[in-house]
């Protein structure tokens, strides 16, 4: 081979290096996708909770605030403070369990499902993705006025 010409052979070291770089880039992409999904899911859970709170406030006159969201191995816990003004026809225990907690969980799961590209489900069921299965629970602190 003359000087200045490139040979047609690849070295084994170059192939191993290229394979290592490709493997590293693919792994980092996978990790980045998982982190991006989690941040999208948490924001969707907060959006769903805020939407449910607005509906509850309009329907029942009970304002509420999202205090915080916690995430632990697929379980998202939404902590709320509900300002409750007792009304004669509403039982507080039934109201918080069957209206507030149920509605916040349903709205949050539907928003999560929409955020990860799924279709709305008729009932509130956990959302499965390739990385996690997400479920929502609601903690409620009552403030009476």
C-alpha atoms as a PDB file:
ATOM      1  CA  UNK A   1       0.000   0.000   0.000  1.00  0.00           C
ATOM      2  CA  UNK A   2       1.329   3.398  -0.904  1.00  0.00           C
ATOM      3  CA  UNK A   3       1.747   6.237   1.481  1.00  0.00           C
ATOM      4  CA  UNK A   4      -1.443   8.378   1.859  1.00  0.00           C
ATOM      5  CA  UNK A   5      -3.848   5.597   1.002  1.00  0.00           C
ATOM      6  CA  UNK A   6      -6.271   4.224   3.577  1.00  0.00           C
ATOM      7  CA  UNK A   7      -6.394   0.485   3.907  1.00  0.00           C
ATOM      8  CA  UNK A   8      -9.613  -1.492   3.844  1.00  0.00           C
ATOM      9  CA  UNK A   9      -9.098  -3.241   7.182  1.00  0.00           C
ATOM     10  CA  UNK A  10     -10.621  -2.189  10.522  1.00  0.00           C
ATOM     11  CA  UNK A  11      -8.817  -2.925  13.665  1.00  0.00           C
ATOM     12  CA  UNK A  12     -10.491  -4.969  16.376  1.00  0.00           C
ATOM     13  CA  UNK A  13      -9.700  -2.201  18.869  1.00  0.00           C
ATOM     14  CA  UNK A  14     -11.638   0.344  16.817  1.00  0.00           C
ATOM     15  CA  UNK A  15     -14.670  -1.944  16.590  1.00  0.00           C
ATOM     16  CA  UNK A  16     -14.587  -2.596  20.347  1.00  0.00           C
ATOM     17  CA  UNK A  17     -14.303   1.132  21.035  1.00  0.00           C
ATOM     18  CA  UNK A  18     -17.190   1.963  18.698  1.00  0.00           C
ATOM     19  CA  UNK A  19     -19.354  -0.759  20.288  1.00  0.00           C
ATOM     20  CA  UNK A  20     -18.549   0.559  23.782  1.00  0.00           C
ATOM     21  CA  UNK A  21     -19.468   4.116  22.823  1.00  0.00           C
ATOM     22  CA  UNK A  22     -22.743   2.953  21.255  1.00  0.00           C
ATOM     23  CA  UNK A  23     -23.613   0.850  24.313  1.00  0.00           C
ATOM     24  CA  UNK A  24     -22.881   3.747  26.687  1.00  0.00           C
ATOM     25  CA  UNK A  25     -24.941   6.205  24.647  1.00  0.00           C
ATOM     26  CA  UNK A  26     -27.870   3.797  24.484  1.00  0.00           C
ATOM     27  CA  UNK A  27     -27.748   3.187  28.251  1.00  0.00           C
ATOM     28  CA  UNK A  28     -27.687   6.901  29.018  1.00  0.00           C
ATOM     29  CA  UNK A  29     -30.617   7.475  26.673  1.00  0.00           C
ATOM     30  CA  UNK A  30     -32.640   4.798  28.480  1.00  0.00           C
ATOM     31  CA  UNK A  31     -31.866   6.353  31.896  1.00  0.00           C
ATOM     32  CA  UNK A  32     -32.759   9.801  30.570  1.00  0.00           C
ATOM     33  CA  UNK A  33     -36.091   8.570  29.228  1.00  0.00           C
ATOM     34  CA  UNK A  34     -36.988   7.056  32.611  1.00  0.00           C
ATOM     35  CA  UNK A  35     -36.171  10.283  34.472  1.00  0.00           C
ATOM     36  CA  UNK A  36     -38.121  12.330  31.933  1.00  0.00           C
ATOM     37  CA  UNK A  37     -41.124  10.036  32.286  1.00  0.00           C
ATOM     38  CA  UNK A  38     -41.108  10.350  36.070  1.00  0.00           C
ATOM     39  CA  UNK A  39     -41.053  14.147  36.002  1.00  0.00           C
ATOM     40  CA  UNK A  40     -43.888  14.163  33.450  1.00  0.00           C
ATOM     41  CA  UNK A  41     -45.905  11.728  35.546  1.00  0.00           C
ATOM     42  CA  UNK A  42     -45.483  13.756  38.737  1.00  0.00           C
ATOM     43  CA  UNK A  43     -46.539  16.955  36.984  1.00  0.00           C
ATOM     44  CA  UNK A  44     -49.541  15.169  35.486  1.00  0.00           C
ATOM     45  CA  UNK A  45     -50.534  13.867  38.934  1.00  0.00           C
ATOM     46  CA  UNK A  46     -50.388  17.415  40.318  1.00  0.00           C
ATOM     47  CA  UNK A  47     -52.403  18.753  37.361  1.00  0.00           C
ATOM     48  CA  UNK A  48     -55.049  16.073  37.857  1.00  0.00           C
ATOM     49  CA  UNK A  49     -55.269  16.820  41.576  1.00  0.00           C
ATOM     50  CA  UNK A  50     -55.624  20.563  40.901  1.00  0.00           C
ATOM     51  CA  UNK A  51     -58.377  19.868  38.352  1.00  0.00           C
ATOM     52  CA  UNK A  52     -60.243  17.655  40.825  1.00  0.00           C
ATOM     53  CA  UNK A  53     -59.895  20.286  43.554  1.00  0.00           C
ATOM     54  CA  UNK A  54     -61.368  22.941  41.268  1.00  0.00           C
ATOM     55  CA  UNK A  55     -64.330  20.658  40.484  1.00  0.00           C
ATOM     56  CA  UNK A  56     -64.896  19.902  44.176  1.00  0.00           C
ATOM     57  CA  UNK A  57     -64.716  23.570  45.094  1.00  0.00           C
ATOM     58  CA  UNK A  58     -67.241  24.521  42.410  1.00  0.00           C
ATOM     59  CA  UNK A  59     -69.588  21.649  43.279  1.00  0.00           C
ATOM     60  CA  UNK A  60     -69.389  21.655  47.077  1.00  0.00           C
ATOM     61  CA  UNK A  61     -67.823  24.971  48.066  1.00  0.00           C
ATOM     62  CA  UNK A  62     -64.864  23.303  49.782  1.00  0.00           C
ATOM     63  CA  UNK A  63     -61.528  24.828  48.799  1.00  0.00           C
ATOM     64  CA  UNK A  64     -58.429  22.657  49.023  1.00  0.00           C
ATOM     65  CA  UNK A  65     -54.694  22.871  48.401  1.00  0.00           C
ATOM     66  CA  UNK A  66     -52.123  20.350  47.232  1.00  0.00           C
ATOM     67  CA  UNK A  67     -49.546  20.346  50.006  1.00  0.00           C
ATOM     68  CA  UNK A  68     -47.052  17.976  48.368  1.00  0.00           C
ATOM     69  CA  UNK A  69     -46.496  14.919  46.204  1.00  0.00           C
ATOM     70  CA  UNK A  70     -44.352  11.989  47.238  1.00  0.00           C
ATOM     71  CA  UNK A  71     -43.118   9.188  45.007  1.00  0.00           C
ATOM     72  CA  UNK A  72     -41.951   5.778  46.176  1.00  0.00           C
ATOM     73  CA  UNK A  73     -41.528   2.816  43.820  1.00  0.00           C
ATOM     74  CA  UNK A  74     -44.482   3.565  41.564  1.00  0.00           C
ATOM     75  CA  UNK A  75     -46.765   4.904  44.298  1.00  0.00           C
ATOM     76  CA  UNK A  76     -47.576   8.614  44.156  1.00  0.00           C
ATOM     77  CA  UNK A  77     -49.051  10.032  47.336  1.00  0.00           C
ATOM     78  CA  UNK A  78     -50.858  13.356  47.008  1.00  0.00           C
ATOM     79  CA  UNK A  79     -51.278  15.246  50.283  1.00  0.00           C
ATOM     80  CA  UNK A  80     -54.173  17.698  50.427  1.00  0.00           C
ATOM     81  CA  UNK A  81     -55.527  20.197  52.880  1.00  0.00           C
ATOM     82  CA  UNK A  82     -59.288  20.522  52.565  1.00  0.00           C
ATOM     83  CA  UNK A  83     -61.150  23.420  54.111  1.00  0.00           C
ATOM     84  CA  UNK A  84     -64.525  21.951  54.961  1.00  0.00           C
ATOM     85  CA  UNK A  85     -67.629  23.880  55.846  1.00  0.00           C
ATOM     86  CA  UNK A  86     -70.056  21.280  57.197  1.00  0.00           C
ATOM     87  CA  UNK A  87     -73.388  21.134  55.455  1.00  0.00           C
ATOM     88  CA  UNK A  88     -76.381  19.312  56.881  1.00  0.00           C
ATOM     89  CA  UNK A  89     -76.850  16.884  54.003  1.00  0.00           C
ATOM     90  CA  UNK A  90     -73.181  15.859  53.728  1.00  0.00           C
ATOM     91  CA  UNK A  91     -71.573  13.279  56.016  1.00  0.00           C
ATOM     92  CA  UNK A  92     -67.900  14.283  56.391  1.00  0.00           C
ATOM     93  CA  UNK A  93     -66.478  10.732  56.368  1.00  0.00           C
ATOM     94  CA  UNK A  94     -68.410   9.701  53.269  1.00  0.00           C
ATOM     95  CA  UNK A  95     -67.582  13.003  51.581  1.00  0.00           C
ATOM     96  CA  UNK A  96     -63.822  12.715  52.072  1.00  0.00           C
ATOM     97  CA  UNK A  97     -63.669   9.012  51.101  1.00  0.00           C
ATOM     98  CA  UNK A  98     -66.254   8.813  48.302  1.00  0.00           C
ATOM     99  CA  UNK A  99     -65.911  12.262  46.787  1.00  0.00           C
ATOM    100  CA  UNK A 100     -62.572  13.932  47.543  1.00  0.00           C
ATOM    101  CA  UNK A 101     -60.139  11.003  47.647  1.00  0.00           C
ATOM    102  CA  UNK A 102     -61.891   9.117  44.849  1.00  0.00           C
ATOM    103  CA  UNK A 103     -62.127  12.136  42.527  1.00  0.00           C
ATOM    104  CA  UNK A 104     -58.528  13.271  43.103  1.00  0.00           C
ATOM    105  CA  UNK A 105     -57.222   9.740  42.446  1.00  0.00           C
ATOM    106  CA  UNK A 106     -59.315   9.329  39.277  1.00  0.00           C
ATOM    107  CA  UNK A 107     -58.342  12.718  37.852  1.00  0.00           C
ATOM    108  CA  UNK A 108     -54.650  12.195  38.684  1.00  0.00           C
ATOM    109  CA  UNK A 109     -54.532   8.731  37.087  1.00  0.00           C
ATOM    110  CA  UNK A 110     -56.286   9.972  33.947  1.00  0.00           C
ATOM    111  CA  UNK A 111     -53.821  12.863  33.631  1.00  0.00           C
ATOM    112  CA  UNK A 112     -50.912  10.453  34.131  1.00  0.00           C
ATOM    113  CA  UNK A 113     -52.351   8.134  31.480  1.00  0.00           C
ATOM    114  CA  UNK A 114     -52.639  11.070  29.064  1.00  0.00           C
ATOM    115  CA  UNK A 115     -49.080  12.208  29.844  1.00  0.00           C
ATOM    116  CA  UNK A 116     -47.553   8.838  28.985  1.00  0.00           C
ATOM    117  CA  UNK A 117     -49.594   8.450  25.811  1.00  0.00           C
ATOM    118  CA  UNK A 118     -52.317   6.116  26.984  1.00  0.00           C
ATOM    119  CA  UNK A 119     -56.045   6.405  26.506  1.00  0.00           C
ATOM    120  CA  UNK A 120     -58.454   7.337  29.259  1.00  0.00           C
ATOM    121  CA  UNK A 121     -59.883   4.394  31.160  1.00  0.00           C
ATOM    122  CA  UNK A 122     -63.467   4.279  32.424  1.00  0.00           C
ATOM    123  CA  UNK A 123     -62.241   3.553  35.950  1.00  0.00           C
ATOM    124  CA  UNK A 124     -59.212   4.634  37.925  1.00  0.00           C
ATOM    125  CA  UNK A 125     -56.701   1.849  37.388  1.00  0.00           C
ATOM    126  CA  UNK A 126     -52.919   2.028  37.821  1.00  0.00           C
ATOM    127  CA  UNK A 127     -51.010   3.207  34.762  1.00  0.00           C
ATOM    128  CA  UNK A 128     -48.406   0.814  33.329  1.00  0.00           C
ATOM    129  CA  UNK A 129     -45.410   1.940  31.273  1.00  0.00           C
ATOM    130  CA  UNK A 130     -42.211   0.193  30.259  1.00  0.00           C
ATOM    131  CA  UNK A 131     -40.472   1.659  33.321  1.00  0.00           C
ATOM    132  CA  UNK A 132     -43.059   1.550  36.143  1.00  0.00           C
ATOM    133  CA  UNK A 133     -46.646   0.946  37.138  1.00  0.00           C
ATOM    134  CA  UNK A 134     -47.973   4.163  38.673  1.00  0.00           C
ATOM    135  CA  UNK A 135     -50.736   4.310  41.255  1.00  0.00           C
ATOM    136  CA  UNK A 136     -52.058   7.213  43.316  1.00  0.00           C
ATOM    137  CA  UNK A 137     -53.156   7.480  46.925  1.00  0.00           C
ATOM    138  CA  UNK A 138     -54.518  10.580  48.617  1.00  0.00           C
ATOM    139  CA  UNK A 139     -53.762  11.800  52.136  1.00  0.00           C
ATOM    140  CA  UNK A 140     -56.215  14.339  53.422  1.00  0.00           C
ATOM    141  CA  UNK A 141     -55.882  16.840  56.245  1.00  0.00           C
ATOM    142  CA  UNK A 142     -59.165  18.442  57.199  1.00  0.00           C
ATOM    143  CA  UNK A 143     -59.538  22.020  58.347  1.00  0.00           C
ATOM    144  CA  UNK A 144     -62.997  22.961  59.557  1.00  0.00           C
ATOM    145  CA  UNK A 145     -64.290  26.484  59.469  1.00  0.00           C
END
